């Protein structure tokens, strides 16, 4: 697995992507749909319509690299309920997604008391 901490930004593309697309097809999505530069020190994360696969695309200063993870029996929890097509996320959200934790769940609100 790659060291995701080395990237300056992590971007999720919320709409589903045709997974027949290879590196250059996903680069086209990054440039035309996400309106971002695929040559930056960013990692781009995509999913398919069944949400059982994700692809990651990044430039490593020598060429493009792409990896894919396939879930045998489960689905990735994808932010389909959000409006923005391009989501900039932190490392923690990506790590949560990869291990099956819902990164979009809103945590409990903190409460502050002044007396008992």
PDB file of N, CA and C in Angstrom:
ATOM      1  N   UNK A   1       0.845  -1.181   0.000  1.00  0.00           N
ATOM      2  CA  UNK A   1       0.000   0.000   0.000  1.00  0.00           C
ATOM      3  C   UNK A   1       0.887   1.240   0.000  1.00  0.00           C
ATOM      4  N   UNK A   2       0.411   2.277  -0.590  1.00  0.00           N
ATOM      5  CA  UNK A   2       1.166   3.524  -0.664  1.00  0.00           C
ATOM      6  C   UNK A   2       1.023   4.319   0.620  1.00  0.00           C
ATOM      7  N   UNK A   3       1.952   5.214   0.828  1.00  0.00           N
ATOM      8  CA  UNK A   3       1.909   6.094   1.994  1.00  0.00           C
ATOM      9  C   UNK A   3       1.026   7.296   1.660  1.00  0.00           C
ATOM     10  N   UNK A   4      -0.205   7.292   2.128  1.00  0.00           N
ATOM     11  CA  UNK A   4      -1.130   8.377   1.775  1.00  0.00           C
ATOM     12  C   UNK A   4      -0.791   9.682   2.477  1.00  0.00           C
ATOM     13  N   UNK A   5       0.078   9.619   3.474  1.00  0.00           N
ATOM     14  CA  UNK A   5       0.460  10.836   4.189  1.00  0.00           C
ATOM     15  C   UNK A   5       1.364  11.740   3.362  1.00  0.00           C
ATOM     16  N   UNK A   6       1.905  11.219   2.268  1.00  0.00           N
ATOM     17  CA  UNK A   6       2.818  12.023   1.452  1.00  0.00           C
ATOM     18  C   UNK A   6       2.094  12.991   0.512  1.00  0.00           C
ATOM     19  N   UNK A   7       0.785  12.834   0.367  1.00  0.00           N
ATOM     20  CA  UNK A   7       0.040  13.678  -0.563  1.00  0.00           C
ATOM     21  C   UNK A   7      -0.385  14.985   0.091  1.00  0.00           C
ATOM     22  N   UNK A   8      -0.363  16.058  -0.705  1.00  0.00           N
ATOM     23  CA  UNK A   8      -0.786  17.370  -0.204  1.00  0.00           C
ATOM     24  C   UNK A   8      -2.297  17.442  -0.007  1.00  0.00           C
ATOM     25  N   UNK A   9      -3.040  16.770  -0.875  1.00  0.00           N
ATOM     26  CA  UNK A   9      -4.506  16.774  -0.796  1.00  0.00           C
ATOM     27  C   UNK A   9      -5.054  15.433  -1.240  1.00  0.00           C
ATOM     28  N   UNK A  10      -6.220  15.108  -0.712  1.00  0.00           N
ATOM     29  CA  UNK A  10      -6.950  13.901  -1.092  1.00  0.00           C
ATOM     30  C   UNK A  10      -8.311  14.361  -1.598  1.00  0.00           C
ATOM     31  N   UNK A  11      -8.658  13.923  -2.801  1.00  0.00           N
ATOM     32  CA  UNK A  11      -9.939  14.311  -3.388  1.00  0.00           C
ATOM     33  C   UNK A  11     -10.759  13.072  -3.720  1.00  0.00           C
ATOM     34  N   UNK A  12     -12.024  13.081  -3.315  1.00  0.00           N
ATOM     35  CA  UNK A  12     -12.985  12.058  -3.704  1.00  0.00           C
ATOM     36  C   UNK A  12     -13.834  12.648  -4.820  1.00  0.00           C
ATOM     37  N   UNK A  13     -14.081  11.826  -5.834  1.00  0.00           N
ATOM     38  CA  UNK A  13     -15.029  12.208  -6.873  1.00  0.00           C
ATOM     39  C   UNK A  13     -16.325  11.481  -6.544  1.00  0.00           C
ATOM     40  N   UNK A  14     -17.339  12.230  -6.148  1.00  0.00           N
ATOM     41  CA  UNK A  14     -18.574  11.645  -5.633  1.00  0.00           C
ATOM     42  C   UNK A  14     -19.374  10.847  -6.663  1.00  0.00           C
ATOM     43  N   UNK A  15     -19.552  11.324  -7.907  1.00  0.00           N
ATOM     44  CA  UNK A  15     -20.313  10.518  -8.871  1.00  0.00           C
ATOM     45  C   UNK A  15     -19.604   9.190  -9.175  1.00  0.00           C
ATOM     46  N   UNK A  16     -20.382   8.202  -9.533  1.00  0.00           N
ATOM     47  CA  UNK A  16     -19.808   6.912  -9.889  1.00  0.00           C
ATOM     48  C   UNK A  16     -19.068   7.021 -11.216  1.00  0.00           C
ATOM     49  N   UNK A  17     -18.025   6.218 -11.368  1.00  0.00           N
ATOM     50  CA  UNK A  17     -17.185   6.247 -12.563  1.00  0.00           C
ATOM     51  C   UNK A  17     -17.229   4.872 -13.229  1.00  0.00           C
ATOM     52  N   UNK A  18     -17.222   4.872 -14.545  1.00  0.00           N
ATOM     53  CA  UNK A  18     -17.127   3.635 -15.313  1.00  0.00           C
ATOM     54  C   UNK A  18     -15.732   3.048 -15.079  1.00  0.00           C
ATOM     55  N   UNK A  19     -15.660   1.877 -14.469  1.00  0.00           N
ATOM     56  CA  UNK A  19     -14.362   1.322 -14.102  1.00  0.00           C
ATOM     57  C   UNK A  19     -13.636   0.656 -15.262  1.00  0.00           C
ATOM     58  N   UNK A  20     -14.170   0.768 -16.459  1.00  0.00           N
ATOM     59  CA  UNK A  20     -13.386   0.373 -17.626  1.00  0.00           C
ATOM     60  C   UNK A  20     -12.349   1.436 -17.941  1.00  0.00           C
ATOM     61  N   UNK A  21     -12.510   2.615 -17.347  1.00  0.00           N
ATOM     62  CA  UNK A  21     -11.538   3.690 -17.550  1.00  0.00           C
ATOM     63  C   UNK A  21     -10.214   3.305 -16.907  1.00  0.00           C
ATOM     64  N   UNK A  22      -9.156   3.588 -17.639  1.00  0.00           N
ATOM     65  CA  UNK A  22      -7.813   3.368 -17.120  1.00  0.00           C
ATOM     66  C   UNK A  22      -7.237   4.677 -16.614  1.00  0.00           C
ATOM     67  N   UNK A  23      -5.921   4.729 -16.579  1.00  0.00           N
ATOM     68  CA  UNK A  23      -5.237   5.907 -16.051  1.00  0.00           C
ATOM     69  C   UNK A  23      -5.616   7.171 -16.813  1.00  0.00           C
ATOM     70  N   UNK A  24      -5.548   7.122 -18.129  1.00  0.00           N
ATOM     71  CA  UNK A  24      -5.802   8.340 -18.895  1.00  0.00           C
ATOM     72  C   UNK A  24      -7.282   8.716 -18.899  1.00  0.00           C
ATOM     73  N   UNK A  25      -8.162   7.742 -18.813  1.00  0.00           N
ATOM     74  CA  UNK A  25      -9.587   8.041 -18.680  1.00  0.00           C
ATOM     75  C   UNK A  25      -9.891   8.742 -17.366  1.00  0.00           C
ATOM     76  N   UNK A  26      -9.247   8.290 -16.287  1.00  0.00           N
ATOM     77  CA  UNK A  26      -9.441   8.943 -14.990  1.00  0.00           C
ATOM     78  C   UNK A  26      -8.764  10.306 -14.957  1.00  0.00           C
ATOM     79  N   UNK A  27      -7.620  10.446 -15.643  1.00  0.00           N
ATOM     80  CA  UNK A  27      -6.984  11.770 -15.751  1.00  0.00           C
ATOM     81  C   UNK A  27      -7.924  12.751 -16.436  1.00  0.00           C
ATOM     82  N   UNK A  28      -8.648  12.264 -17.421  1.00  0.00           N
ATOM     83  CA  UNK A  28      -9.627  13.099 -18.109  1.00  0.00           C
ATOM     84  C   UNK A  28     -10.732  13.537 -17.148  1.00  0.00           C
ATOM     85  N   UNK A  29     -11.190  12.643 -16.284  1.00  0.00           N
ATOM     86  CA  UNK A  29     -12.197  12.998 -15.277  1.00  0.00           C
ATOM     87  C   UNK A  29     -11.637  14.066 -14.341  1.00  0.00           C
ATOM     88  N   UNK A  30     -10.387  13.889 -13.915  1.00  0.00           N
ATOM     89  CA  UNK A  30      -9.758  14.858 -13.007  1.00  0.00           C
ATOM     90  C   UNK A  30      -9.713  16.237 -13.653  1.00  0.00           C
ATOM     91  N   UNK A  31      -9.284  16.300 -14.909  1.00  0.00           N
ATOM     92  CA  UNK A  31      -9.146  17.594 -15.582  1.00  0.00           C
ATOM     93  C   UNK A  31     -10.481  18.202 -15.974  1.00  0.00           C
ATOM     94  N   UNK A  32     -11.356  17.423 -16.571  1.00  0.00           N
ATOM     95  CA  UNK A  32     -12.580  17.975 -17.146  1.00  0.00           C
ATOM     96  C   UNK A  32     -13.739  18.070 -16.153  1.00  0.00           C
ATOM     97  N   UNK A  33     -13.910  17.068 -15.326  1.00  0.00           N
ATOM     98  CA  UNK A  33     -15.041  17.058 -14.396  1.00  0.00           C
ATOM     99  C   UNK A  33     -14.689  17.681 -13.045  1.00  0.00           C
ATOM    100  N   UNK A  34     -13.516  17.320 -12.536  1.00  0.00           N
ATOM    101  CA  UNK A  34     -13.116  17.831 -11.223  1.00  0.00           C
ATOM    102  C   UNK A  34     -12.438  19.194 -11.325  1.00  0.00           C
ATOM    103  N   UNK A  35     -11.987  19.533 -12.533  1.00  0.00           N
ATOM    104  CA  UNK A  35     -11.283  20.787 -12.809  1.00  0.00           C
ATOM    105  C   UNK A  35     -10.054  20.951 -11.917  1.00  0.00           C
ATOM    106  N   UNK A  36      -9.283  19.862 -11.825  1.00  0.00           N
ATOM    107  CA  UNK A  36      -8.049  19.853 -11.048  1.00  0.00           C
ATOM    108  C   UNK A  36      -6.902  19.384 -11.929  1.00  0.00           C
ATOM    109  N   UNK A  37      -5.694  19.621 -11.474  1.00  0.00           N
ATOM    110  CA  UNK A  37      -4.500  19.238 -12.214  1.00  0.00           C
ATOM    111  C   UNK A  37      -4.024  17.869 -11.722  1.00  0.00           C
ATOM    112  N   UNK A  38      -4.055  16.847 -12.579  1.00  0.00           N
ATOM    113  CA  UNK A  38      -3.642  15.516 -12.131  1.00  0.00           C
ATOM    114  C   UNK A  38      -2.146  15.403 -11.846  1.00  0.00           C
ATOM    115  N   UNK A  39      -1.357  16.406 -12.241  1.00  0.00           N
ATOM    116  CA  UNK A  39       0.086  16.376 -12.012  1.00  0.00           C
ATOM    117  C   UNK A  39       0.487  16.948 -10.654  1.00  0.00           C
ATOM    118  N   UNK A  40      -0.475  17.428  -9.883  1.00  0.00           N
ATOM    119  CA  UNK A  40      -0.171  17.928  -8.538  1.00  0.00           C
ATOM    120  C   UNK A  40       0.092  16.745  -7.601  1.00  0.00           C
ATOM    121  N   UNK A  41       0.576  17.040  -6.427  1.00  0.00           N
ATOM    122  CA  UNK A  41       0.846  15.994  -5.435  1.00  0.00           C
ATOM    123  C   UNK A  41      -0.449  15.641  -4.688  1.00  0.00           C
ATOM    124  N   UNK A  42      -1.439  15.213  -5.465  1.00  0.00           N
ATOM    125  CA  UNK A  42      -2.756  14.874  -4.940  1.00  0.00           C
ATOM    126  C   UNK A  42      -3.041  13.403  -5.230  1.00  0.00           C
ATOM    127  N   UNK A  43      -3.939  12.831  -4.460  1.00  0.00           N
ATOM    128  CA  UNK A  43      -4.457  11.503  -4.773  1.00  0.00           C
ATOM    129  C   UNK A  43      -5.960  11.652  -5.002  1.00  0.00           C
ATOM    130  N   UNK A  44      -6.442  11.009  -6.039  1.00  0.00           N
ATOM    131  CA  UNK A  44      -7.844  11.103  -6.445  1.00  0.00           C
ATOM    132  C   UNK A  44      -8.492   9.735  -6.253  1.00  0.00           C
ATOM    133  N   UNK A  45      -9.645   9.718  -5.595  1.00  0.00           N
ATOM    134  CA  UNK A  45     -10.326   8.468  -5.260  1.00  0.00           C
ATOM    135  C   UNK A  45     -11.665   8.414  -5.995  1.00  0.00           C
ATOM    136  N   UNK A  46     -11.924   7.266  -6.625  1.00  0.00           N
ATOM    137  CA  UNK A  46     -13.139   7.053  -7.417  1.00  0.00           C
ATOM    138  C   UNK A  46     -13.798   5.745  -6.977  1.00  0.00           C
ATOM    139  N   UNK A  47     -15.104   5.623  -7.234  1.00  0.00           N
ATOM    140  CA  UNK A  47     -15.796   4.352  -6.996  1.00  0.00           C
ATOM    141  C   UNK A  47     -16.669   4.007  -8.197  1.00  0.00           C
ATOM    142  N   UNK A  48     -17.081   2.741  -8.245  1.00  0.00           N
ATOM    143  CA  UNK A  48     -17.975   2.284  -9.305  1.00  0.00           C
ATOM    144  C   UNK A  48     -19.425   2.340  -8.824  1.00  0.00           C
ATOM    145  N   UNK A  49     -20.363   2.014  -9.703  1.00  0.00           N
ATOM    146  CA  UNK A  49     -21.783   2.146  -9.350  1.00  0.00           C
ATOM    147  C   UNK A  49     -22.223   1.149  -8.281  1.00  0.00           C
ATOM    148  N   UNK A  50     -21.562   0.024  -8.175  1.00  0.00           N
ATOM    149  CA  UNK A  50     -21.909  -0.952  -7.134  1.00  0.00           C
ATOM    150  C   UNK A  50     -21.258  -0.618  -5.800  1.00  0.00           C
ATOM    151  N   UNK A  51     -20.326   0.320  -5.800  1.00  0.00           N
ATOM    152  CA  UNK A  51     -19.580   0.762  -4.616  1.00  0.00           C
ATOM    153  C   UNK A  51     -18.799  -0.369  -3.950  1.00  0.00           C
ATOM    154  N   UNK A  52     -18.427  -1.374  -4.713  1.00  0.00           N
ATOM    155  CA  UNK A  52     -17.616  -2.449  -4.150  1.00  0.00           C
ATOM    156  C   UNK A  52     -16.150  -2.351  -4.585  1.00  0.00           C
ATOM    157  N   UNK A  53     -15.834  -1.324  -5.353  1.00  0.00           N
ATOM    158  CA  UNK A  53     -14.461  -1.101  -5.806  1.00  0.00           C
ATOM    159  C   UNK A  53     -14.124   0.378  -5.677  1.00  0.00           C
ATOM    160  N   UNK A  54     -12.867   0.638  -5.382  1.00  0.00           N
ATOM    161  CA  UNK A  54     -12.368   2.011  -5.473  1.00  0.00           C
ATOM    162  C   UNK A  54     -11.071   1.986  -6.262  1.00  0.00           C
ATOM    163  N   UNK A  55     -10.831   3.078  -6.953  1.00  0.00           N
ATOM    164  CA  UNK A  55      -9.566   3.284  -7.650  1.00  0.00           C
ATOM    165  C   UNK A  55      -8.944   4.558  -7.120  1.00  0.00           C
ATOM    166  N   UNK A  56      -7.637   4.521  -6.994  1.00  0.00           N
ATOM    167  CA  UNK A  56      -6.872   5.696  -6.587  1.00  0.00           C
ATOM    168  C   UNK A  56      -5.912   6.031  -7.714  1.00  0.00           C
ATOM    169  N   UNK A  57      -5.811   7.299  -8.030  1.00  0.00           N
ATOM    170  CA  UNK A  57      -4.938   7.775  -9.098  1.00  0.00           C
ATOM    171  C   UNK A  57      -4.042   8.862  -8.537  1.00  0.00           C
ATOM    172  N   UNK A  58      -2.754   8.810  -8.891  1.00  0.00           N
ATOM    173  CA  UNK A  58      -1.836   9.868  -8.472  1.00  0.00           C
ATOM    174  C   UNK A  58      -0.630   9.916  -9.400  1.00  0.00           C
ATOM    175  N   UNK A  59       0.024  11.053  -9.398  1.00  0.00           N
ATOM    176  CA  UNK A  59       1.243  11.303 -10.155  1.00  0.00           C
ATOM    177  C   UNK A  59       2.397  11.238  -9.164  1.00  0.00           C
ATOM    178  N   UNK A  60       3.444  10.446  -9.477  1.00  0.00           N
ATOM    179  CA  UNK A  60       4.557  10.314  -8.533  1.00  0.00           C
ATOM    180  C   UNK A  60       5.865  10.912  -9.053  1.00  0.00           C
ATOM    181  N   UNK A  61       5.750  11.873  -9.951  1.00  0.00           N
ATOM    182  CA  UNK A  61       6.882  12.586 -10.564  1.00  0.00           C
ATOM    183  C   UNK A  61       7.657  11.759 -11.578  1.00  0.00           C
ATOM    184  N   UNK A  62       7.290  10.501 -11.783  1.00  0.00           N
ATOM    185  CA  UNK A  62       7.888   9.701 -12.850  1.00  0.00           C
ATOM    186  C   UNK A  62       6.821   9.157 -13.790  1.00  0.00           C
ATOM    187  N   UNK A  63       5.575   9.232 -13.359  1.00  0.00           N
ATOM    188  CA  UNK A  63       4.465   8.733 -14.150  1.00  0.00           C
ATOM    189  C   UNK A  63       3.230   8.615 -13.281  1.00  0.00           C
ATOM    190  N   UNK A  64       2.136   8.271 -13.909  1.00  0.00           N
ATOM    191  CA  UNK A  64       0.897   8.073 -13.162  1.00  0.00           C
ATOM    192  C   UNK A  64       0.877   6.673 -12.567  1.00  0.00           C
ATOM    193  N   UNK A  65       0.261   6.572 -11.413  1.00  0.00           N
ATOM    194  CA  UNK A  65       0.057   5.278 -10.768  1.00  0.00           C
ATOM    195  C   UNK A  65      -1.420   5.163 -10.414  1.00  0.00           C
ATOM    196  N   UNK A  66      -1.902   3.945 -10.474  1.00  0.00           N
ATOM    197  CA  UNK A  66      -3.295   3.696 -10.146  1.00  0.00           C
ATOM    198  C   UNK A  66      -3.368   2.378  -9.392  1.00  0.00           C
ATOM    199  N   UNK A  67      -4.136   2.358  -8.321  1.00  0.00           N
ATOM    200  CA  UNK A  67      -4.401   1.088  -7.660  1.00  0.00           C
ATOM    201  C   UNK A  67      -5.886   0.955  -7.409  1.00  0.00           C
ATOM    202  N   UNK A  68      -6.290  -0.296  -7.234  1.00  0.00           N
ATOM    203  CA  UNK A  68      -7.703  -0.579  -7.055  1.00  0.00           C
ATOM    204  C   UNK A  68      -7.866  -1.536  -5.881  1.00  0.00           C
ATOM    205  N   UNK A  69      -8.921  -1.327  -5.126  1.00  0.00           N
ATOM    206  CA  UNK A  69      -9.281  -2.254  -4.056  1.00  0.00           C
ATOM    207  C   UNK A  69     -10.700  -2.727  -4.306  1.00  0.00           C
ATOM    208  N   UNK A  70     -10.879  -4.035  -4.214  1.00  0.00           N
ATOM    209  CA  UNK A  70     -12.163  -4.677  -4.476  1.00  0.00           C
ATOM    210  C   UNK A  70     -12.648  -5.350  -3.197  1.00  0.00           C
ATOM    211  N   UNK A  71     -13.865  -5.047  -2.774  1.00  0.00           N
ATOM    212  CA  UNK A  71     -14.458  -5.703  -1.612  1.00  0.00           C
ATOM    213  C   UNK A  71     -15.245  -6.918  -2.079  1.00  0.00           C
ATOM    214  N   UNK A  72     -14.951  -8.054  -1.511  1.00  0.00           N
ATOM    215  CA  UNK A  72     -15.605  -9.293  -1.920  1.00  0.00           C
ATOM    216  C   UNK A  72     -17.083  -9.337  -1.531  1.00  0.00           C
ATOM    217  N   UNK A  73     -17.426  -8.844  -0.331  1.00  0.00           N
ATOM    218  CA  UNK A  73     -18.791  -9.026   0.146  1.00  0.00           C
ATOM    219  C   UNK A  73     -19.473  -7.758   0.631  1.00  0.00           C
ATOM    220  N   UNK A  74     -18.820  -6.648   0.610  1.00  0.00           N
ATOM    221  CA  UNK A  74     -19.381  -5.450   1.216  1.00  0.00           C
ATOM    222  C   UNK A  74     -19.354  -4.299   0.223  1.00  0.00           C
ATOM    223  N   UNK A  75     -19.772  -3.126   0.685  1.00  0.00           N
ATOM    224  CA  UNK A  75     -19.752  -1.921  -0.142  1.00  0.00           C
ATOM    225  C   UNK A  75     -19.057  -0.811   0.610  1.00  0.00           C
ATOM    226  N   UNK A  76     -18.423   0.072  -0.141  1.00  0.00           N
ATOM    227  CA  UNK A  76     -17.833   1.261   0.463  1.00  0.00           C
ATOM    228  C   UNK A  76     -18.940   2.245   0.808  1.00  0.00           C
ATOM    229  N   UNK A  77     -18.771   2.915   1.908  1.00  0.00           N
ATOM    230  CA  UNK A  77     -19.734   3.933   2.325  1.00  0.00           C
ATOM    231  C   UNK A  77     -19.346   5.213   1.603  1.00  0.00           C
ATOM    232  N   UNK A  78     -20.103   5.534   0.584  1.00  0.00           N
ATOM    233  CA  UNK A  78     -19.746   6.634  -0.315  1.00  0.00           C
ATOM    234  C   UNK A  78     -20.620   7.844  -0.030  1.00  0.00           C
ATOM    235  N   UNK A  79     -20.094   9.048  -0.159  1.00  0.00           N
ATOM    236  CA  UNK A  79     -20.847  10.270   0.186  1.00  0.00           C
ATOM    237  C   UNK A  79     -21.862  10.679  -0.875  1.00  0.00           C
ATOM    238  N   UNK A  80     -22.753   9.782  -1.245  1.00  0.00           N
ATOM    239  CA  UNK A  80     -23.745  10.078  -2.291  1.00  0.00           C
ATOM    240  C   UNK A  80     -24.777  11.097  -1.836  1.00  0.00           C
ATOM    241  N   UNK A  81     -24.900  11.306  -0.532  1.00  0.00           N
ATOM    242  CA  UNK A  81     -25.898  12.244   0.004  1.00  0.00           C
ATOM    243  C   UNK A  81     -25.427  13.699  -0.053  1.00  0.00           C
ATOM    244  N   UNK A  82     -24.163  13.924  -0.348  1.00  0.00           N
ATOM    245  CA  UNK A  82     -23.632  15.285  -0.410  1.00  0.00           C
ATOM    246  C   UNK A  82     -23.849  15.873  -1.790  1.00  0.00           C
ATOM    247  N   UNK A  83     -23.865  17.181  -1.886  1.00  0.00           N
ATOM    248  CA  UNK A  83     -24.158  17.837  -3.159  1.00  0.00           C
ATOM    249  C   UNK A  83     -22.928  18.040  -4.030  1.00  0.00           C
ATOM    250  N   UNK A  84     -21.796  18.340  -3.430  1.00  0.00           N
ATOM    251  CA  UNK A  84     -20.594  18.627  -4.214  1.00  0.00           C
ATOM    252  C   UNK A  84     -20.071  17.356  -4.868  1.00  0.00           C
ATOM    253  N   UNK A  85     -19.659  17.484  -6.126  1.00  0.00           N
ATOM    254  CA  UNK A  85     -19.097  16.334  -6.831  1.00  0.00           C
ATOM    255  C   UNK A  85     -17.655  16.060  -6.437  1.00  0.00           C
ATOM    256  N   UNK A  86     -16.942  17.095  -6.025  1.00  0.00           N
ATOM    257  CA  UNK A  86     -15.536  16.958  -5.646  1.00  0.00           C
ATOM    258  C   UNK A  86     -15.412  17.273  -4.162  1.00  0.00           C
ATOM    259  N   UNK A  87     -14.879  16.328  -3.427  1.00  0.00           N
ATOM    260  CA  UNK A  87     -14.741  16.494  -1.981  1.00  0.00           C
ATOM    261  C   UNK A  87     -13.273  16.415  -1.593  1.00  0.00           C
ATOM    262  N   UNK A  88     -12.795  17.435  -0.937  1.00  0.00           N
ATOM    263  CA  UNK A  88     -11.442  17.395  -0.397  1.00  0.00           C
ATOM    264  C   UNK A  88     -11.551  16.846   1.018  1.00  0.00           C
ATOM    265  N   UNK A  89     -10.833  15.770   1.287  1.00  0.00           N
ATOM    266  CA  UNK A  89     -10.942  15.110   2.588  1.00  0.00           C
ATOM    267  C   UNK A  89      -9.572  15.008   3.243  1.00  0.00           C
ATOM    268  N   UNK A  90      -9.585  14.685   4.526  1.00  0.00           N
ATOM    269  CA  UNK A  90      -8.324  14.494   5.233  1.00  0.00           C
ATOM    270  C   UNK A  90      -7.940  13.010   5.219  1.00  0.00           C
ATOM    271  N   UNK A  91      -6.742  12.741   5.676  1.00  0.00           N
ATOM    272  CA  UNK A  91      -6.225  11.373   5.678  1.00  0.00           C
ATOM    273  C   UNK A  91      -7.111  10.449   6.510  1.00  0.00           C
ATOM    274  N   UNK A  92      -7.595  10.957   7.607  1.00  0.00           N
ATOM    275  CA  UNK A  92      -8.413  10.132   8.497  1.00  0.00           C
ATOM    276  C   UNK A  92      -9.656   9.598   7.787  1.00  0.00           C
ATOM    277  N   UNK A  93     -10.322  10.440   6.997  1.00  0.00           N
ATOM    278  CA  UNK A  93     -11.522   9.989   6.279  1.00  0.00           C
ATOM    279  C   UNK A  93     -11.179   8.880   5.282  1.00  0.00           C
ATOM    280  N   UNK A  94     -10.060   9.030   4.577  1.00  0.00           N
ATOM    281  CA  UNK A  94      -9.662   7.990   3.629  1.00  0.00           C
ATOM    282  C   UNK A  94      -9.312   6.699   4.367  1.00  0.00           C
ATOM    283  N   UNK A  95      -8.586   6.802   5.454  1.00  0.00           N
ATOM    284  CA  UNK A  95      -8.247   5.609   6.237  1.00  0.00           C
ATOM    285  C   UNK A  95      -9.503   4.921   6.758  1.00  0.00           C
ATOM    286  N   UNK A  96     -10.473   5.703   7.220  1.00  0.00           N
ATOM    287  CA  UNK A  96     -11.730   5.129   7.704  1.00  0.00           C
ATOM    288  C   UNK A  96     -12.456   4.402   6.577  1.00  0.00           C
ATOM    289  N   UNK A  97     -12.516   5.023   5.416  1.00  0.00           N
ATOM    290  CA  UNK A  97     -13.182   4.404   4.273  1.00  0.00           C
ATOM    291  C   UNK A  97     -12.535   3.064   3.935  1.00  0.00           C
ATOM    292  N   UNK A  98     -11.209   3.025   3.926  1.00  0.00           N
ATOM    293  CA  UNK A  98     -10.496   1.817   3.530  1.00  0.00           C
ATOM    294  C   UNK A  98     -10.687   0.654   4.501  1.00  0.00           C
ATOM    295  N   UNK A  99     -10.968   0.946   5.766  1.00  0.00           N
ATOM    296  CA  UNK A  99     -11.175  -0.142   6.736  1.00  0.00           C
ATOM    297  C   UNK A  99     -12.649  -0.401   7.029  1.00  0.00           C
ATOM    298  N   UNK A 100     -13.545   0.316   6.359  1.00  0.00           N
ATOM    299  CA  UNK A 100     -14.971   0.040   6.483  1.00  0.00           C
ATOM    300  C   UNK A 100     -15.731   0.880   7.486  1.00  0.00           C
ATOM    301  N   UNK A 101     -15.112   1.920   7.996  1.00  0.00           N
ATOM    302  CA  UNK A 101     -15.797   2.823   8.920  1.00  0.00           C
ATOM    303  C   UNK A 101     -16.452   3.936   8.111  1.00  0.00           C
ATOM    304  N   UNK A 102     -17.632   4.355   8.510  1.00  0.00           N
ATOM    305  CA  UNK A 102     -18.340   5.420   7.807  1.00  0.00           C
ATOM    306  C   UNK A 102     -17.681   6.767   8.109  1.00  0.00           C
ATOM    307  N   UNK A 103     -16.930   7.331   7.155  1.00  0.00           N
ATOM    308  CA  UNK A 103     -16.266   8.611   7.413  1.00  0.00           C
ATOM    309  C   UNK A 103     -17.205   9.807   7.357  1.00  0.00           C
ATOM    310  N   UNK A 104     -18.437   9.602   6.935  1.00  0.00           N
ATOM    311  CA  UNK A 104     -19.383  10.709   6.764  1.00  0.00           C
ATOM    312  C   UNK A 104     -20.337  10.834   7.936  1.00  0.00           C
ATOM    313  N   UNK A 105     -20.231   9.925   8.888  1.00  0.00           N
ATOM    314  CA  UNK A 105     -21.103   9.963  10.057  1.00  0.00           C
ATOM    315  C   UNK A 105     -20.762  11.177  10.915  1.00  0.00           C
ATOM    316  N   UNK A 106     -21.783  11.865  11.346  1.00  0.00           N
ATOM    317  CA  UNK A 106     -21.585  13.054  12.179  1.00  0.00           C
ATOM    318  C   UNK A 106     -21.412  12.596  13.625  1.00  0.00           C
ATOM    319  N   UNK A 107     -20.307  12.981  14.266  1.00  0.00           N
ATOM    320  CA  UNK A 107     -20.093  12.554  15.648  1.00  0.00           C
ATOM    321  C   UNK A 107     -21.072  13.234  16.602  1.00  0.00           C
ATOM    322  N   UNK A 108     -21.152  12.694  17.800  1.00  0.00           N
ATOM    323  CA  UNK A 108     -21.998  13.303  18.830  1.00  0.00           C
ATOM    324  C   UNK A 108     -21.514  14.712  19.122  1.00  0.00           C
ATOM    325  N   UNK A 109     -22.448  15.594  19.399  1.00  0.00           N
ATOM    326  CA  UNK A 109     -22.081  16.964  19.756  1.00  0.00           C
ATOM    327  C   UNK A 109     -21.521  16.974  21.172  1.00  0.00           C
ATOM    328  N   UNK A 110     -20.505  17.785  21.364  1.00  0.00           N
ATOM    329  CA  UNK A 110     -19.944  17.906  22.708  1.00  0.00           C
ATOM    330  C   UNK A 110     -20.847  18.796  23.546  1.00  0.00           C
ATOM    331  N   UNK A 111     -20.890  18.491  24.801  1.00  0.00           N
ATOM    332  CA  UNK A 111     -21.728  19.263  25.721  1.00  0.00           C
ATOM    333  C   UNK A 111     -20.834  19.922  26.755  1.00  0.00           C
ATOM    334  N   UNK A 112     -21.180  21.133  27.113  1.00  0.00           N
ATOM    335  CA  UNK A 112     -20.434  21.865  28.129  1.00  0.00           C
ATOM    336  C   UNK A 112     -21.385  22.242  29.248  1.00  0.00           C
ATOM    337  N   UNK A 113     -20.954  21.972  30.450  1.00  0.00           N
ATOM    338  CA  UNK A 113     -21.762  22.279  31.624  1.00  0.00           C
ATOM    339  C   UNK A 113     -21.006  23.253  32.516  1.00  0.00           C
ATOM    340  N   UNK A 114     -21.745  24.055  33.225  1.00  0.00           N
ATOM    341  CA  UNK A 114     -21.116  24.978  34.172  1.00  0.00           C
ATOM    342  C   UNK A 114     -21.379  24.564  35.617  1.00  0.00           C
ATOM    343  N   UNK A 115     -22.372  23.680  35.810  1.00  0.00           N
ATOM    344  CA  UNK A 115     -22.640  23.175  37.168  1.00  0.00           C
ATOM    345  C   UNK A 115     -23.398  21.856  37.056  1.00  0.00           C
ATOM    346  N   UNK A 116     -23.442  21.128  38.163  1.00  0.00           N
ATOM    347  CA  UNK A 116     -24.125  19.828  38.186  1.00  0.00           C
ATOM    348  C   UNK A 116     -25.550  19.993  38.681  1.00  0.00           C
TER     349      UNK A 116
END
